[in-house]
Amino acid sequence: MKRKVGYTWRLREVMAQHRIFTATELVPLLRERGIDLSASQVHRMVSGTPERLSLQVLSALCDILACTPADLVTTTAENAGVRKTATGDLPTPPSNVAKLRPRAARILPDA
């Protein structure tokens, strides 16, 4: 059985709980911890859902926000739907299959 996994990035929510409302407020806090990201990189991390994130950045965010990685990332996992096969769904073949076969063409000369 296949599983479908996903995650939700909750950085903005956790920031709001700590009264940090803009990405620019986060930039100096990250720099204090040795993370040198531009304002636009921090904005993308706050406003979107990152596909990749360094553990250094994650650790710094957890330190700044006094939280755990589980507070920033919630995961989901569910069983993927089973694909249906075509067996049993096919119509029954006609009883007179010979009528369905093509006939050889006869070419007649022009008269």
PDB file of N, CA and C in Angstrom:
ATOM      1  N   MET A   1       0.849  -1.171   0.000  1.00  0.00           N
ATOM      2  CA  MET A   1       0.000   0.000   0.000  1.00  0.00           C
ATOM      3  C   MET A   1       0.899   1.239   0.000  1.00  0.00           C
ATOM      4  N   LYS A   2       0.660   2.146  -0.921  1.00  0.00           N
ATOM      5  CA  LYS A   2       1.442   3.374  -0.990  1.00  0.00           C
ATOM      6  C   LYS A   2       0.886   4.408  -0.014  1.00  0.00           C
ATOM      7  N   ARG A   3       1.770   5.282   0.464  1.00  0.00           N
ATOM      8  CA  ARG A   3       1.381   6.342   1.385  1.00  0.00           C
ATOM      9  C   ARG A   3       1.669   7.693   0.735  1.00  0.00           C
ATOM     10  N   LYS A   4       0.791   8.628   0.956  1.00  0.00           N
ATOM     11  CA  LYS A   4       0.973   9.986   0.470  1.00  0.00           C
ATOM     12  C   LYS A   4       1.339  10.852   1.671  1.00  0.00           C
ATOM     13  N   VAL A   5       2.504  11.489   1.621  1.00  0.00           N
ATOM     14  CA  VAL A   5       2.959  12.308   2.739  1.00  0.00           C
ATOM     15  C   VAL A   5       3.021  13.770   2.320  1.00  0.00           C
ATOM     16  N   GLY A   6       2.833  14.643   3.286  1.00  0.00           N
ATOM     17  CA  GLY A   6       2.886  16.070   3.028  1.00  0.00           C
ATOM     18  C   GLY A   6       3.252  16.812   4.300  1.00  0.00           C
ATOM     19  N   TYR A   7       3.369  18.118   4.185  1.00  0.00           N
ATOM     20  CA  TYR A   7       3.701  18.919   5.352  1.00  0.00           C
ATOM     21  C   TYR A   7       3.108  20.315   5.214  1.00  0.00           C
ATOM     22  N   THR A   8       2.976  20.995   6.357  1.00  0.00           N
ATOM     23  CA  THR A   8       2.498  22.367   6.401  1.00  0.00           C
ATOM     24  C   THR A   8       3.538  23.205   7.125  1.00  0.00           C
ATOM     25  N   TRP A   9       3.943  24.300   6.511  1.00  0.00           N
ATOM     26  CA  TRP A   9       4.937  25.198   7.072  1.00  0.00           C
ATOM     27  C   TRP A   9       4.202  26.268   7.872  1.00  0.00           C
ATOM     28  N   ARG A  10       4.455  26.332   9.156  1.00  0.00           N
ATOM     29  CA  ARG A  10       3.713  27.207  10.048  1.00  0.00           C
ATOM     30  C   ARG A  10       4.550  28.353  10.612  1.00  0.00           C
ATOM     31  N   LEU A  11       5.609  28.767   9.922  1.00  0.00           N
ATOM     32  CA  LEU A  11       6.511  29.799  10.440  1.00  0.00           C
ATOM     33  C   LEU A  11       5.776  31.100  10.729  1.00  0.00           C
ATOM     34  N   ARG A  12       4.926  31.549   9.815  1.00  0.00           N
ATOM     35  CA  ARG A  12       4.229  32.824  10.011  1.00  0.00           C
ATOM     36  C   ARG A  12       3.352  32.786  11.262  1.00  0.00           C
ATOM     37  N   GLU A  13       2.664  31.671  11.490  1.00  0.00           N
ATOM     38  CA  GLU A  13       1.804  31.545  12.675  1.00  0.00           C
ATOM     39  C   GLU A  13       2.625  31.613  13.960  1.00  0.00           C
ATOM     40  N   VAL A  14       3.741  30.879  13.984  1.00  0.00           N
ATOM     41  CA  VAL A  14       4.576  30.851  15.187  1.00  0.00           C
ATOM     42  C   VAL A  14       5.220  32.215  15.411  1.00  0.00           C
ATOM     43  N   MET A  15       5.607  32.888  14.330  1.00  0.00           N
ATOM     44  CA  MET A  15       6.146  34.245  14.464  1.00  0.00           C
ATOM     45  C   MET A  15       5.107  35.177  15.082  1.00  0.00           C
ATOM     46  N   ALA A  16       3.871  35.101  14.629  1.00  0.00           N
ATOM     47  CA  ALA A  16       2.809  35.966  15.147  1.00  0.00           C
ATOM     48  C   ALA A  16       2.564  35.715  16.637  1.00  0.00           C
ATOM     49  N   GLN A  17       2.679  34.465  17.061  1.00  0.00           N
ATOM     50  CA  GLN A  17       2.511  34.161  18.479  1.00  0.00           C
ATOM     51  C   GLN A  17       3.588  34.834  19.323  1.00  0.00           C
ATOM     52  N   HIS A  18       4.752  35.087  18.718  1.00  0.00           N
ATOM     53  CA  HIS A  18       5.860  35.744  19.420  1.00  0.00           C
ATOM     54  C   HIS A  18       5.953  37.229  19.056  1.00  0.00           C
ATOM     55  N   ARG A  19       4.892  37.765  18.479  1.00  0.00           N
ATOM     56  CA  ARG A  19       4.767  39.174  18.136  1.00  0.00           C
ATOM     57  C   ARG A  19       5.840  39.650  17.152  1.00  0.00           C
ATOM     58  N   ILE A  20       6.205  38.770  16.244  1.00  0.00           N
ATOM     59  CA  ILE A  20       7.085  39.123  15.130  1.00  0.00           C
ATOM     60  C   ILE A  20       6.208  39.043  13.881  1.00  0.00           C
ATOM     61  N   PHE A  21       5.958  40.202  13.260  1.00  0.00           N
ATOM     62  CA  PHE A  21       4.955  40.240  12.194  1.00  0.00           C
ATOM     63  C   PHE A  21       5.525  40.450  10.789  1.00  0.00           C
ATOM     64  N   THR A  22       6.803  40.787  10.678  1.00  0.00           N
ATOM     65  CA  THR A  22       7.376  40.972   9.339  1.00  0.00           C
ATOM     66  C   THR A  22       8.671  40.182   9.209  1.00  0.00           C
ATOM     67  N   ALA A  23       9.015  39.896   7.972  1.00  0.00           N
ATOM     68  CA  ALA A  23      10.246  39.155   7.699  1.00  0.00           C
ATOM     69  C   ALA A  23      11.464  40.002   8.026  1.00  0.00           C
ATOM     70  N   THR A  24      11.361  41.325   7.884  1.00  0.00           N
ATOM     71  CA  THR A  24      12.514  42.189   8.167  1.00  0.00           C
ATOM     72  C   THR A  24      12.868  42.187   9.653  1.00  0.00           C
ATOM     73  N   GLU A  25      11.910  41.911  10.514  1.00  0.00           N
ATOM     74  CA  GLU A  25      12.208  41.791  11.942  1.00  0.00           C
ATOM     75  C   GLU A  25      13.016  40.531  12.231  1.00  0.00           C
ATOM     76  N   LEU A  26      12.876  39.542  11.370  1.00  0.00           N
ATOM     77  CA  LEU A  26      13.548  38.262  11.571  1.00  0.00           C
ATOM     78  C   LEU A  26      15.005  38.279  11.106  1.00  0.00           C
ATOM     79  N   VAL A  27      15.332  39.138  10.140  1.00  0.00           N
ATOM     80  CA  VAL A  27      16.677  39.165   9.548  1.00  0.00           C
ATOM     81  C   VAL A  27      17.762  39.410  10.605  1.00  0.00           C
ATOM     82  N   PRO A  28      17.662  40.462  11.456  1.00  0.00           N
ATOM     83  CA  PRO A  28      18.743  40.662  12.442  1.00  0.00           C
ATOM     84  C   PRO A  28      18.812  39.549  13.483  1.00  0.00           C
ATOM     85  N   LEU A  29      17.669  38.951  13.811  1.00  0.00           N
ATOM     86  CA  LEU A  29      17.664  37.849  14.774  1.00  0.00           C
ATOM     87  C   LEU A  29      18.401  36.637  14.215  1.00  0.00           C
ATOM     88  N   LEU A  30      18.255  36.390  12.910  1.00  0.00           N
ATOM     89  CA  LEU A  30      18.982  35.302  12.262  1.00  0.00           C
ATOM     90  C   LEU A  30      20.474  35.615  12.198  1.00  0.00           C
ATOM     91  N   ARG A  31      20.814  36.891  11.909  1.00  0.00           N
ATOM     92  CA  ARG A  31      22.229  37.277  11.822  1.00  0.00           C
ATOM     93  C   ARG A  31      22.929  37.101  13.162  1.00  0.00           C
ATOM     94  N   GLU A  32      22.219  37.353  14.258  1.00  0.00           N
ATOM     95  CA  GLU A  32      22.801  37.155  15.593  1.00  0.00           C
ATOM     96  C   GLU A  32      23.212  35.705  15.808  1.00  0.00           C
ATOM     97  N   ARG A  33      22.566  34.806  15.081  1.00  0.00           N
ATOM     98  CA  ARG A  33      22.840  33.373  15.230  1.00  0.00           C
ATOM     99  C   ARG A  33      23.693  32.824  14.096  1.00  0.00           C
ATOM    100  N   GLY A  34      24.297  33.717  13.336  1.00  0.00           N
ATOM    101  CA  GLY A  34      25.224  33.291  12.286  1.00  0.00           C
ATOM    102  C   GLY A  34      24.576  32.910  10.968  1.00  0.00           C
ATOM    103  N   ILE A  35      23.305  33.211  10.787  1.00  0.00           N
ATOM    104  CA  ILE A  35      22.604  32.914   9.532  1.00  0.00           C
ATOM    105  C   ILE A  35      22.515  34.210   8.737  1.00  0.00           C
ATOM    106  N   ASP A  36      23.214  34.267   7.614  1.00  0.00           N
ATOM    107  CA  ASP A  36      23.262  35.489   6.808  1.00  0.00           C
ATOM    108  C   ASP A  36      22.412  35.300   5.555  1.00  0.00           C
ATOM    109  N   LEU A  37      21.140  35.633   5.660  1.00  0.00           N
ATOM    110  CA  LEU A  37      20.220  35.557   4.528  1.00  0.00           C
ATOM    111  C   LEU A  37      19.769  36.967   4.162  1.00  0.00           C
ATOM    112  N   SER A  38      19.517  37.181   2.872  1.00  0.00           N
ATOM    113  CA  SER A  38      19.022  38.488   2.443  1.00  0.00           C
ATOM    114  C   SER A  38      17.568  38.653   2.881  1.00  0.00           C
ATOM    115  N   ALA A  39      17.101  39.882   2.848  1.00  0.00           N
ATOM    116  CA  ALA A  39      15.714  40.162   3.235  1.00  0.00           C
ATOM    117  C   ALA A  39      14.734  39.428   2.320  1.00  0.00           C
ATOM    118  N   SER A  40      15.076  39.321   1.029  1.00  0.00           N
ATOM    119  CA  SER A  40      14.167  38.631   0.106  1.00  0.00           C
ATOM    120  C   SER A  40      14.136  37.126   0.374  1.00  0.00           C
ATOM    121  N   GLN A  41      15.286  36.549   0.758  1.00  0.00           N
ATOM    122  CA  GLN A  41      15.304  35.120   1.083  1.00  0.00           C
ATOM    123  C   GLN A  41      14.469  34.844   2.334  1.00  0.00           C
ATOM    124  N   VAL A  42      14.581  35.707   3.325  1.00  0.00           N
ATOM    125  CA  VAL A  42      13.793  35.536   4.545  1.00  0.00           C
ATOM    126  C   VAL A  42      12.314  35.741   4.238  1.00  0.00           C
ATOM    127  N   HIS A  43      12.004  36.705   3.388  1.00  0.00           N
ATOM    128  CA  HIS A  43      10.607  36.939   3.006  1.00  0.00           C
ATOM    129  C   HIS A  43      10.012  35.700   2.329  1.00  0.00           C
ATOM    130  N   ARG A  44      10.757  35.082   1.409  1.00  0.00           N
ATOM    131  CA  ARG A  44      10.268  33.873   0.736  1.00  0.00           C
ATOM    132  C   ARG A  44      10.071  32.737   1.725  1.00  0.00           C
ATOM    133  N   MET A  45      10.967  32.637   2.710  1.00  0.00           N
ATOM    134  CA  MET A  45      10.860  31.575   3.715  1.00  0.00           C
ATOM    135  C   MET A  45       9.632  31.794   4.605  1.00  0.00           C
ATOM    136  N   VAL A  46       9.320  33.060   4.904  1.00  0.00           N
ATOM    137  CA  VAL A  46       8.190  33.379   5.774  1.00  0.00           C
ATOM    138  C   VAL A  46       6.873  33.277   5.015  1.00  0.00           C
ATOM    139  N   SER A  47       6.838  33.787   3.801  1.00  0.00           N
ATOM    140  CA  SER A  47       5.567  33.874   3.077  1.00  0.00           C
ATOM    141  C   SER A  47       5.192  32.608   2.323  1.00  0.00           C
ATOM    142  N   GLY A  48       6.169  31.771   2.013  1.00  0.00           N
ATOM    143  CA  GLY A  48       5.879  30.558   1.251  1.00  0.00           C
ATOM    144  C   GLY A  48       6.199  29.304   2.040  1.00  0.00           C
ATOM    145  N   THR A  49       6.133  28.190   1.348  1.00  0.00           N
ATOM    146  CA  THR A  49       6.477  26.902   1.945  1.00  0.00           C
ATOM    147  C   THR A  49       7.766  26.410   1.298  1.00  0.00           C
ATOM    148  N   PRO A  50       8.867  26.382   2.056  1.00  0.00           N
ATOM    149  CA  PRO A  50      10.140  25.960   1.453  1.00  0.00           C
ATOM    150  C   PRO A  50      10.152  24.465   1.171  1.00  0.00           C
ATOM    151  N   GLU A  51      10.778  24.097   0.055  1.00  0.00           N
ATOM    152  CA  GLU A  51      10.952  22.683  -0.263  1.00  0.00           C
ATOM    153  C   GLU A  51      12.218  22.142   0.382  1.00  0.00           C
ATOM    154  N   ARG A  52      13.213  23.011   0.539  1.00  0.00           N
ATOM    155  CA  ARG A  52      14.474  22.647   1.192  1.00  0.00           C
ATOM    156  C   ARG A  52      14.781  23.701   2.235  1.00  0.00           C
ATOM    157  N   LEU A  53      15.338  23.253   3.350  1.00  0.00           N
ATOM    158  CA  LEU A  53      15.682  24.168   4.430  1.00  0.00           C
ATOM    159  C   LEU A  53      16.876  23.581   5.165  1.00  0.00           C
ATOM    160  N   SER A  54      17.901  24.391   5.368  1.00  0.00           N
ATOM    161  CA  SER A  54      19.071  23.872   6.066  1.00  0.00           C
ATOM    162  C   SER A  54      18.748  23.676   7.543  1.00  0.00           C
ATOM    163  N   LEU A  55      19.396  22.698   8.145  1.00  0.00           N
ATOM    164  CA  LEU A  55      19.180  22.441   9.567  1.00  0.00           C
ATOM    165  C   LEU A  55      19.706  23.587  10.417  1.00  0.00           C
ATOM    166  N   GLN A  56      20.704  24.308   9.923  1.00  0.00           N
ATOM    167  CA  GLN A  56      21.204  25.482  10.644  1.00  0.00           C
ATOM    168  C   GLN A  56      20.108  26.545  10.744  1.00  0.00           C
ATOM    169  N   VAL A  57      19.414  26.791   9.630  1.00  0.00           N
ATOM    170  CA  VAL A  57      18.342  27.783   9.624  1.00  0.00           C
ATOM    171  C   VAL A  57      17.193  27.317  10.511  1.00  0.00           C
ATOM    172  N   LEU A  58      16.835  26.046  10.406  1.00  0.00           N
ATOM    173  CA  LEU A  58      15.766  25.507  11.243  1.00  0.00           C
ATOM    174  C   LEU A  58      16.119  25.623  12.721  1.00  0.00           C
ATOM    175  N   SER A  59      17.350  25.321  13.069  1.00  0.00           N
ATOM    176  CA  SER A  59      17.787  25.429  14.459  1.00  0.00           C
ATOM    177  C   SER A  59      17.732  26.872  14.941  1.00  0.00           C
ATOM    178  N   ALA A  60      18.160  27.796  14.092  1.00  0.00           N
ATOM    179  CA  ALA A  60      18.124  29.214  14.461  1.00  0.00           C
ATOM    180  C   ALA A  60      16.689  29.686  14.656  1.00  0.00           C
ATOM    181  N   LEU A  61      15.789  29.277  13.776  1.00  0.00           N
ATOM    182  CA  LEU A  61      14.380  29.660  13.922  1.00  0.00           C
ATOM    183  C   LEU A  61      13.796  29.108  15.224  1.00  0.00           C
ATOM    184  N   CYS A  62      14.135  27.863  15.534  1.00  0.00           N
ATOM    185  CA  CYS A  62      13.641  27.271  16.786  1.00  0.00           C
ATOM    186  C   CYS A  62      14.184  28.017  17.999  1.00  0.00           C
ATOM    187  N   ASP A  63      15.436  28.461  17.934  1.00  0.00           N
ATOM    188  CA  ASP A  63      16.018  29.219  19.036  1.00  0.00           C
ATOM    189  C   ASP A  63      15.349  30.587  19.168  1.00  0.00           C
ATOM    190  N   ILE A  64      15.157  31.274  18.053  1.00  0.00           N
ATOM    191  CA  ILE A  64      14.529  32.603  18.060  1.00  0.00           C
ATOM    192  C   ILE A  64      13.114  32.527  18.608  1.00  0.00           C
ATOM    193  N   LEU A  65      12.364  31.526  18.163  1.00  0.00           N
ATOM    194  CA  LEU A  65      10.936  31.438  18.502  1.00  0.00           C
ATOM    195  C   LEU A  65      10.667  30.537  19.706  1.00  0.00           C
ATOM    196  N   ALA A  66      11.715  30.018  20.320  1.00  0.00           N
ATOM    197  CA  ALA A  66      11.585  29.138  21.494  1.00  0.00           C
ATOM    198  C   ALA A  66      10.563  28.033  21.231  1.00  0.00           C
ATOM    199  N   CYS A  67      10.797  27.313  20.131  1.00  0.00           N
ATOM    200  CA  CYS A  67       9.876  26.242  19.747  1.00  0.00           C
ATOM    201  C   CYS A  67      10.676  25.039  19.264  1.00  0.00           C
ATOM    202  N   THR A  68       9.987  24.004  18.871  1.00  0.00           N
ATOM    203  CA  THR A  68      10.621  22.812  18.324  1.00  0.00           C
ATOM    204  C   THR A  68      10.350  22.748  16.820  1.00  0.00           C
ATOM    205  N   PRO A  69      11.094  21.936  16.083  1.00  0.00           N
ATOM    206  CA  PRO A  69      10.797  21.774  14.661  1.00  0.00           C
ATOM    207  C   PRO A  69       9.357  21.295  14.414  1.00  0.00           C
ATOM    208  N   ALA A  70       8.815  20.510  15.336  1.00  0.00           N
ATOM    209  CA  ALA A  70       7.436  20.027  15.176  1.00  0.00           C
ATOM    210  C   ALA A  70       6.427  21.174  15.247  1.00  0.00           C
ATOM    211  N   ASP A  71       6.787  22.275  15.911  1.00  0.00           N
ATOM    212  CA  ASP A  71       5.902  23.444  15.944  1.00  0.00           C
ATOM    213  C   ASP A  71       5.914  24.179  14.611  1.00  0.00           C
ATOM    214  N   LEU A  72       7.027  24.128  13.904  1.00  0.00           N
ATOM    215  CA  LEU A  72       7.153  24.830  12.626  1.00  0.00           C
ATOM    216  C   LEU A  72       6.664  24.010  11.443  1.00  0.00           C
ATOM    217  N   VAL A  73       6.784  22.688  11.538  1.00  0.00           N
ATOM    218  CA  VAL A  73       6.401  21.809  10.424  1.00  0.00           C
ATOM    219  C   VAL A  73       5.435  20.758  10.951  1.00  0.00           C
ATOM    220  N   THR A  74       4.224  20.762  10.433  1.00  0.00           N
ATOM    221  CA  THR A  74       3.289  19.688  10.770  1.00  0.00           C
ATOM    222  C   THR A  74       3.225  18.742   9.577  1.00  0.00           C
ATOM    223  N   THR A  75       3.321  17.470   9.853  1.00  0.00           N
ATOM    224  CA  THR A  75       3.338  16.480   8.774  1.00  0.00           C
ATOM    225  C   THR A  75       2.011  15.745   8.698  1.00  0.00           C
ATOM    226  N   THR A  76       1.710  15.273   7.500  1.00  0.00           N
ATOM    227  CA  THR A  76       0.517  14.459   7.274  1.00  0.00           C
ATOM    228  C   THR A  76       0.925  13.231   6.475  1.00  0.00           C
ATOM    229  N   ALA A  77       0.237  12.137   6.732  1.00  0.00           N
ATOM    230  CA  ALA A  77       0.472  10.908   5.970  1.00  0.00           C
ATOM    231  C   ALA A  77      -0.850  10.171   5.868  1.00  0.00           C
ATOM    232  N   GLU A  78      -1.169   9.730   4.683  1.00  0.00           N
ATOM    233  CA  GLU A  78      -2.411   8.988   4.476  1.00  0.00           C
ATOM    234  C   GLU A  78      -2.200   7.944   3.396  1.00  0.00           C
ATOM    235  N   ASN A  79      -3.027   6.951   3.407  1.00  0.00           N
ATOM    236  CA  ASN A  79      -2.942   5.907   2.391  1.00  0.00           C
ATOM    237  C   ASN A  79      -3.395   6.466   1.054  1.00  0.00           C
ATOM    238  N   ALA A  80      -2.620   6.191   0.029  1.00  0.00           N
ATOM    239  CA  ALA A  80      -2.984   6.617  -1.316  1.00  0.00           C
ATOM    240  C   ALA A  80      -4.060   5.674  -1.836  1.00  0.00           C
ATOM    241  N   GLY A  81      -4.927   6.177  -2.674  1.00  0.00           N
ATOM    242  CA  GLY A  81      -5.988   5.350  -3.241  1.00  0.00           C
ATOM    243  C   GLY A  81      -5.423   4.229  -4.086  1.00  0.00           C
ATOM    244  N   VAL A  82      -6.036   3.083  -4.007  1.00  0.00           N
ATOM    245  CA  VAL A  82      -5.605   1.927  -4.781  1.00  0.00           C
ATOM    246  C   VAL A  82      -6.128   2.081  -6.198  1.00  0.00           C
ATOM    247  N   ARG A  83      -5.256   1.900  -7.168  1.00  0.00           N
ATOM    248  CA  ARG A  83      -5.675   2.012  -8.562  1.00  0.00           C
ATOM    249  C   ARG A  83      -6.527   0.814  -8.941  1.00  0.00           C
ATOM    250  N   LYS A  84      -7.588   1.075  -9.653  1.00  0.00           N
ATOM    251  CA  LYS A  84      -8.465  -0.002 -10.098  1.00  0.00           C
ATOM    252  C   LYS A  84      -7.888  -0.634 -11.359  1.00  0.00           C
ATOM    253  N   THR A  85      -8.044  -1.934 -11.458  1.00  0.00           N
ATOM    254  CA  THR A  85      -7.581  -2.630 -12.649  1.00  0.00           C
ATOM    255  C   THR A  85      -8.753  -2.825 -13.603  1.00  0.00           C
ATOM    256  N   ALA A  86      -8.441  -3.162 -14.816  1.00  0.00           N
ATOM    257  CA  ALA A  86      -9.476  -3.314 -15.828  1.00  0.00           C
ATOM    258  C   ALA A  86     -10.132  -4.688 -15.786  1.00  0.00           C
ATOM    259  N   THR A  87      -9.627  -5.596 -14.996  1.00  0.00           N
ATOM    260  CA  THR A  87     -10.218  -6.932 -14.971  1.00  0.00           C
ATOM    261  C   THR A  87     -11.619  -6.861 -14.388  1.00  0.00           C
ATOM    262  N   GLY A  88     -12.503  -7.530 -15.043  1.00  0.00           N
ATOM    263  CA  GLY A  88     -13.889  -7.541 -14.585  1.00  0.00           C
ATOM    264  C   GLY A  88     -14.692  -6.372 -15.134  1.00  0.00           C
ATOM    265  N   ASP A  89     -14.009  -5.356 -15.661  1.00  0.00           N
ATOM    266  CA  ASP A  89     -14.711  -4.199 -16.195  1.00  0.00           C
ATOM    267  C   ASP A  89     -14.880  -4.274 -17.706  1.00  0.00           C
ATOM    268  N   LEU A  90     -14.293  -5.297 -18.343  1.00  0.00           N
ATOM    269  CA  LEU A  90     -14.362  -5.402 -19.786  1.00  0.00           C
ATOM    270  C   LEU A  90     -15.716  -5.966 -20.216  1.00  0.00           C
ATOM    271  N   PRO A  91     -16.243  -5.467 -21.334  1.00  0.00           N
ATOM    272  CA  PRO A  91     -17.491  -6.051 -21.835  1.00  0.00           C
ATOM    273  C   PRO A  91     -17.229  -7.463 -22.350  1.00  0.00           C
ATOM    274  N   THR A  92     -18.251  -8.264 -22.347  1.00  0.00           N
ATOM    275  CA  THR A  92     -18.095  -9.633 -22.831  1.00  0.00           C
ATOM    276  C   THR A  92     -17.895  -9.606 -24.344  1.00  0.00           C
ATOM    277  N   PRO A  93     -16.986 -10.434 -24.880  1.00  0.00           N
ATOM    278  CA  PRO A  93     -16.735 -10.427 -26.316  1.00  0.00           C
ATOM    279  C   PRO A  93     -17.960 -10.979 -27.066  1.00  0.00           C
ATOM    280  N   PRO A  94     -18.194 -10.474 -28.280  1.00  0.00           N
ATOM    281  CA  PRO A  94     -19.338 -10.980 -29.057  1.00  0.00           C
ATOM    282  C   PRO A  94     -19.140 -12.457 -29.396  1.00  0.00           C
ATOM    283  N   SER A  95     -20.239 -13.159 -29.531  1.00  0.00           N
ATOM    284  CA  SER A  95     -20.156 -14.595 -29.776  1.00  0.00           C
ATOM    285  C   SER A  95     -19.671 -14.907 -31.192  1.00  0.00           C
ATOM    286  N   ASN A  96     -19.929 -14.037 -32.155  1.00  0.00           N
ATOM    287  CA  ASN A  96     -19.547 -14.301 -33.533  1.00  0.00           C
ATOM    288  C   ASN A  96     -18.353 -13.416 -33.893  1.00  0.00           C
ATOM    289  N   VAL A  97     -17.163 -13.815 -33.476  1.00  0.00           N
ATOM    290  CA  VAL A  97     -15.956 -13.038 -33.686  1.00  0.00           C
ATOM    291  C   VAL A  97     -15.549 -13.032 -35.156  1.00  0.00           C
ATOM    292  N   ALA A  98     -15.895 -14.049 -35.910  1.00  0.00           N
ATOM    293  CA  ALA A  98     -15.479 -14.149 -37.315  1.00  0.00           C
ATOM    294  C   ALA A  98     -16.005 -12.968 -38.131  1.00  0.00           C
ATOM    295  N   LYS A  99     -17.142 -12.431 -37.798  1.00  0.00           N
ATOM    296  CA  LYS A  99     -17.695 -11.302 -38.544  1.00  0.00           C
ATOM    297  C   LYS A  99     -16.889 -10.025 -38.312  1.00  0.00           C
ATOM    298  N   LEU A 100     -16.127  -9.981 -37.257  1.00  0.00           N
ATOM    299  CA  LEU A 100     -15.373  -8.776 -36.936  1.00  0.00           C
ATOM    300  C   LEU A 100     -14.010  -8.731 -37.626  1.00  0.00           C
ATOM    301  N   ARG A 101     -13.591  -9.837 -38.222  1.00  0.00           N
ATOM    302  CA  ARG A 101     -12.288  -9.866 -38.870  1.00  0.00           C
ATOM    303  C   ARG A 101     -12.372  -9.203 -40.232  1.00  0.00           C
ATOM    304  N   PRO A 102     -11.316  -8.493 -40.610  1.00  0.00           N
ATOM    305  CA  PRO A 102     -11.348  -7.827 -41.920  1.00  0.00           C
ATOM    306  C   PRO A 102     -11.223  -8.835 -43.058  1.00  0.00           C
ATOM    307  N   ARG A 103     -11.830  -8.498 -44.171  1.00  0.00           N
ATOM    308  CA  ARG A 103     -11.740  -9.351 -45.358  1.00  0.00           C
ATOM    309  C   ARG A 103     -10.637  -8.845 -46.260  1.00  0.00           C
ATOM    310  N   ALA A 104     -10.073  -9.748 -47.038  1.00  0.00           N
ATOM    311  CA  ALA A 104      -9.056  -9.353 -48.009  1.00  0.00           C
ATOM    312  C   ALA A 104      -9.718  -8.568 -49.131  1.00  0.00           C
ATOM    313  N   ALA A 105      -9.060  -7.531 -49.580  1.00  0.00           N
ATOM    314  CA  ALA A 105      -9.621  -6.702 -50.647  1.00  0.00           C
ATOM    315  C   ALA A 105      -9.396  -7.365 -51.999  1.00  0.00           C
ATOM    316  N   ARG A 106     -10.385  -7.244 -52.882  1.00  0.00           N
ATOM    317  CA  ARG A 106     -10.245  -7.752 -54.246  1.00  0.00           C
ATOM    318  C   ARG A 106     -10.148  -6.556 -55.173  1.00  0.00           C
ATOM    319  N   ILE A 107      -9.084  -6.543 -55.963  1.00  0.00           N
ATOM    320  CA  ILE A 107      -8.895  -5.455 -56.897  1.00  0.00           C
ATOM    321  C   ILE A 107      -9.271  -5.948 -58.280  1.00  0.00           C
ATOM    322  N   LEU A 108     -10.206  -5.273 -58.908  1.00  0.00           N
ATOM    323  CA  LEU A 108     -10.688  -5.647 -60.242  1.00  0.00           C
ATOM    324  C   LEU A 108     -10.102  -4.698 -61.272  1.00  0.00           C
ATOM    325  N   PRO A 109      -9.773  -5.228 -62.456  1.00  0.00           N
ATOM    326  CA  PRO A 109      -9.257  -4.342 -63.493  1.00  0.00           C
ATOM    327  C   PRO A 109     -10.377  -3.433 -64.028  1.00  0.00           C
ATOM    328  N   ASP A 110      -9.957  -2.266 -64.515  1.00  0.00           N
ATOM    329  CA  ASP A 110     -10.942  -1.341 -65.084  1.00  0.00           C
ATOM    330  C   ASP A 110     -11.481  -1.924 -66.385  1.00  0.00           C
ATOM    331  N   ALA A 111     -12.739  -1.854 -66.561  1.00  0.00           N
ATOM    332  CA  ALA A 111     -13.326  -2.450 -67.754  1.00  0.00           C
ATOM    333  C   ALA A 111     -13.560  -1.441 -68.826  1.00  0.00           C
TER     334      ALA A 111
END
